Amino acid sequence: MELAIVRTTTASCAEAEQIGTAVVHGRLAACVQITGPIRSIYRWKGTVESSDEWICDCKTVPELADTLMERIKTLHSYEVPEIIVLPVMRGHAAYLTWLRGEVDDRPAL
């Protein structure tokens, strides 16, 4: 795996932007793409709920995925946020080089 996408969903665009800015500023992700709103339907504490959410796709390297997940948890408003890691097996060589240059394997939290 050459690249990892750490995905989370948020309750607002402002929260998505806050998380995205923090993880890019902290060099845990080279880029965060925000999509939304999307409609989510889910079961929470025994009840079927639905809400609008925003998706944050954080582009990073596999070796930073765990640290990035921990940072997202500290910034997130949800009691149990969705934070998943999606592997990217291959990509455009120039993009992968750029991405590696924008993240730091010793980020400051």
C-alpha atoms as a PDB file:
ATOM      1  CA  MET A   1       0.000   0.000   0.000  1.00  0.00           C
ATOM      2  CA  GLU A   2       1.462   3.346  -1.029  1.00  0.00           C
ATOM      3  CA  LEU A   3      -1.228   5.682   0.244  1.00  0.00           C
ATOM      4  CA  ALA A   4      -3.937   5.603   2.883  1.00  0.00           C
ATOM      5  CA  ILE A   5      -7.167   7.545   3.030  1.00  0.00           C
ATOM      6  CA  VAL A   6      -8.394   8.072   6.570  1.00  0.00           C
ATOM      7  CA  ARG A   7     -12.102   8.843   6.339  1.00  0.00           C
ATOM      8  CA  THR A   8     -14.360  10.385   8.916  1.00  0.00           C
ATOM      9  CA  THR A   9     -17.794  11.969   8.856  1.00  0.00           C
ATOM     10  CA  THR A  10     -18.779  15.104  10.747  1.00  0.00           C
ATOM     11  CA  ALA A  11     -21.982  16.819  11.799  1.00  0.00           C
ATOM     12  CA  SER A  12     -21.171  20.101  10.046  1.00  0.00           C
ATOM     13  CA  CYS A  13     -19.054  21.594   7.309  1.00  0.00           C
ATOM     14  CA  ALA A  14     -17.384  23.832   9.903  1.00  0.00           C
ATOM     15  CA  GLU A  15     -16.305  20.800  11.943  1.00  0.00           C
ATOM     16  CA  ALA A  16     -15.003  19.094   8.788  1.00  0.00           C
ATOM     17  CA  GLU A  17     -12.985  22.204   7.936  1.00  0.00           C
ATOM     18  CA  GLN A  18     -11.625  22.421  11.484  1.00  0.00           C
ATOM     19  CA  ILE A  19     -10.456  18.802  11.406  1.00  0.00           C
ATOM     20  CA  GLY A  20      -9.062  19.148   7.882  1.00  0.00           C
ATOM     21  CA  THR A  21      -7.122  22.295   8.718  1.00  0.00           C
ATOM     22  CA  ALA A  22      -5.702  20.794  11.913  1.00  0.00           C
ATOM     23  CA  VAL A  23      -4.454  17.558  10.339  1.00  0.00           C
ATOM     24  CA  VAL A  24      -2.946  19.277   7.291  1.00  0.00           C
ATOM     25  CA  HIS A  25      -1.345  21.956   9.485  1.00  0.00           C
ATOM     26  CA  GLY A  26       0.016  19.169  11.716  1.00  0.00           C
ATOM     27  CA  ARG A  27       1.434  17.373   8.656  1.00  0.00           C
ATOM     28  CA  LEU A  28      -0.588  14.234   9.379  1.00  0.00           C
ATOM     29  CA  ALA A  29      -2.316  14.542   5.993  1.00  0.00           C
ATOM     30  CA  ALA A  30      -1.184  16.187   2.779  1.00  0.00           C
ATOM     31  CA  CYS A  31      -4.731  16.974   1.698  1.00  0.00           C
ATOM     32  CA  VAL A  32      -8.250  16.670   3.074  1.00  0.00           C
ATOM     33  CA  GLN A  33     -11.187  16.610   0.703  1.00  0.00           C
ATOM     34  CA  ILE A  34     -14.585  17.489   2.159  1.00  0.00           C
ATOM     35  CA  THR A  35     -17.786  16.260   0.534  1.00  0.00           C
ATOM     36  CA  GLY A  36     -21.300  16.952   1.621  1.00  0.00           C
ATOM     37  CA  PRO A  37     -23.795  17.160   2.772  1.00  0.00           C
ATOM     38  CA  ILE A  38     -24.637  13.485   2.539  1.00  0.00           C
ATOM     39  CA  ARG A  39     -27.576  11.796   4.223  1.00  0.00           C
ATOM     40  CA  SER A  40     -26.702   9.048   6.714  1.00  0.00           C
ATOM     41  CA  ILE A  41     -29.157   6.550   8.154  1.00  0.00           C
ATOM     42  CA  TYR A  42     -27.878   4.540  11.101  1.00  0.00           C
ATOM     43  CA  ARG A  43     -28.841   2.775  14.285  1.00  0.00           C
ATOM     44  CA  TRP A  44     -27.778   4.603  17.465  1.00  0.00           C
ATOM     45  CA  LYS A  45     -28.610   3.398  20.962  1.00  0.00           C
ATOM     46  CA  GLY A  46     -31.481   1.240  19.711  1.00  0.00           C
ATOM     47  CA  THR A  47     -33.123   3.836  17.478  1.00  0.00           C
ATOM     48  CA  VAL A  48     -32.868   4.361  13.734  1.00  0.00           C
ATOM     49  CA  GLU A  49     -31.629   7.900  13.157  1.00  0.00           C
ATOM     50  CA  SER A  50     -30.833   9.992  10.109  1.00  0.00           C
ATOM     51  CA  SER A  51     -28.801  13.156   9.714  1.00  0.00           C
ATOM     52  CA  ASP A  52     -26.807  15.233   7.269  1.00  0.00           C
ATOM     53  CA  GLU A  53     -23.062  14.720   7.482  1.00  0.00           C
ATOM     54  CA  TRP A  54     -19.882  15.724   5.697  1.00  0.00           C
ATOM     55  CA  ILE A  55     -17.164  13.278   4.611  1.00  0.00           C
ATOM     56  CA  CYS A  56     -13.508  14.092   5.201  1.00  0.00           C
ATOM     57  CA  ASP A  57     -11.047  12.054   3.144  1.00  0.00           C
ATOM     58  CA  CYS A  58      -7.608  12.626   4.629  1.00  0.00           C
ATOM     59  CA  LYS A  59      -4.779  11.639   2.256  1.00  0.00           C
ATOM     60  CA  THR A  60      -1.773  10.314   4.129  1.00  0.00           C
ATOM     61  CA  VAL A  61       0.825   7.565   4.227  1.00  0.00           C
ATOM     62  CA  PRO A  62       0.133   4.227   5.921  1.00  0.00           C
ATOM     63  CA  GLU A  63       2.689   4.778   8.665  1.00  0.00           C
ATOM     64  CA  LEU A  64       0.802   7.889   9.869  1.00  0.00           C
ATOM     65  CA  ALA A  65      -2.703   6.396   9.769  1.00  0.00           C
ATOM     66  CA  ASP A  66      -2.855   5.439  13.465  1.00  0.00           C
ATOM     67  CA  THR A  67      -1.568   8.831  14.630  1.00  0.00           C
ATOM     68  CA  LEU A  68      -4.003  10.578  12.294  1.00  0.00           C
ATOM     69  CA  MET A  69      -6.916   8.520  13.656  1.00  0.00           C
ATOM     70  CA  GLU A  70      -5.979   9.481  17.217  1.00  0.00           C
ATOM     71  CA  ARG A  71      -5.788  13.176  16.293  1.00  0.00           C
ATOM     72  CA  ILE A  72      -9.204  13.049  14.619  1.00  0.00           C
ATOM     73  CA  LYS A  73     -10.672  11.476  17.775  1.00  0.00           C
ATOM     74  CA  THR A  74      -9.412  14.397  19.884  1.00  0.00           C
ATOM     75  CA  LEU A  75     -11.010  16.933  17.521  1.00  0.00           C
ATOM     76  CA  HIS A  76     -14.291  15.140  16.821  1.00  0.00           C
ATOM     77  CA  SER A  77     -17.639  16.021  18.408  1.00  0.00           C
ATOM     78  CA  TYR A  78     -19.181  12.557  18.071  1.00  0.00           C
ATOM     79  CA  GLU A  79     -19.184  10.131  20.983  1.00  0.00           C
ATOM     80  CA  VAL A  80     -18.209   7.340  18.549  1.00  0.00           C
ATOM     81  CA  PRO A  81     -16.924   8.880  15.317  1.00  0.00           C
ATOM     82  CA  GLU A  82     -16.564   6.900  12.133  1.00  0.00           C
ATOM     83  CA  ILE A  83     -12.836   6.760  11.430  1.00  0.00           C
ATOM     84  CA  ILE A  84     -11.760   4.163   8.884  1.00  0.00           C
ATOM     85  CA  VAL A  85      -8.598   3.606   6.873  1.00  0.00           C
ATOM     86  CA  LEU A  86      -8.925   2.823   3.184  1.00  0.00           C
ATOM     87  CA  PRO A  87      -5.871   1.436   1.412  1.00  0.00           C
ATOM     88  CA  VAL A  88      -4.779   2.795  -1.956  1.00  0.00           C
ATOM     89  CA  MET A  89      -2.603   0.244  -3.684  1.00  0.00           C
ATOM     90  CA  ARG A  90      -1.221   2.390  -6.501  1.00  0.00           C
ATOM     91  CA  GLY A  91      -1.314   5.935  -7.706  1.00  0.00           C
ATOM     92  CA  HIS A  92       0.228   8.541  -9.974  1.00  0.00           C
ATOM     93  CA  ALA A  93       3.937   8.548  -9.093  1.00  0.00           C
ATOM     94  CA  ALA A  94       4.246  12.343  -9.047  1.00  0.00           C
ATOM     95  CA  TYR A  95       1.222  12.637  -6.740  1.00  0.00           C
ATOM     96  CA  LEU A  96       2.607  10.029  -4.346  1.00  0.00           C
ATOM     97  CA  THR A  97       5.953  11.849  -4.271  1.00  0.00           C
ATOM     98  CA  TRP A  98       4.188  15.137  -3.524  1.00  0.00           C
ATOM     99  CA  LEU A  99       2.089  13.531  -0.793  1.00  0.00           C
ATOM    100  CA  ARG A 100       5.098  11.988   0.954  1.00  0.00           C
ATOM    101  CA  GLY A 101       6.813  15.355   0.884  1.00  0.00           C
ATOM    102  CA  GLU A 102       3.864  17.047   2.619  1.00  0.00           C
ATOM    103  CA  VAL A 103       3.549  14.718   5.602  1.00  0.00           C
ATOM    104  CA  ASP A 104       6.013  14.242   8.398  1.00  0.00           C
ATOM    105  CA  ASP A 105       6.671  10.899  10.031  1.00  0.00           C
ATOM    106  CA  ARG A 106       7.277  12.734  13.325  1.00  0.00           C
ATOM    107  CA  PRO A 107       4.303  15.122  13.516  1.00  0.00           C
ATOM    108  CA  ALA A 108       3.763  17.429  16.445  1.00  0.00           C
ATOM    109  CA  LEU A 109       0.384  16.914  18.099  1.00  0.00           C
END
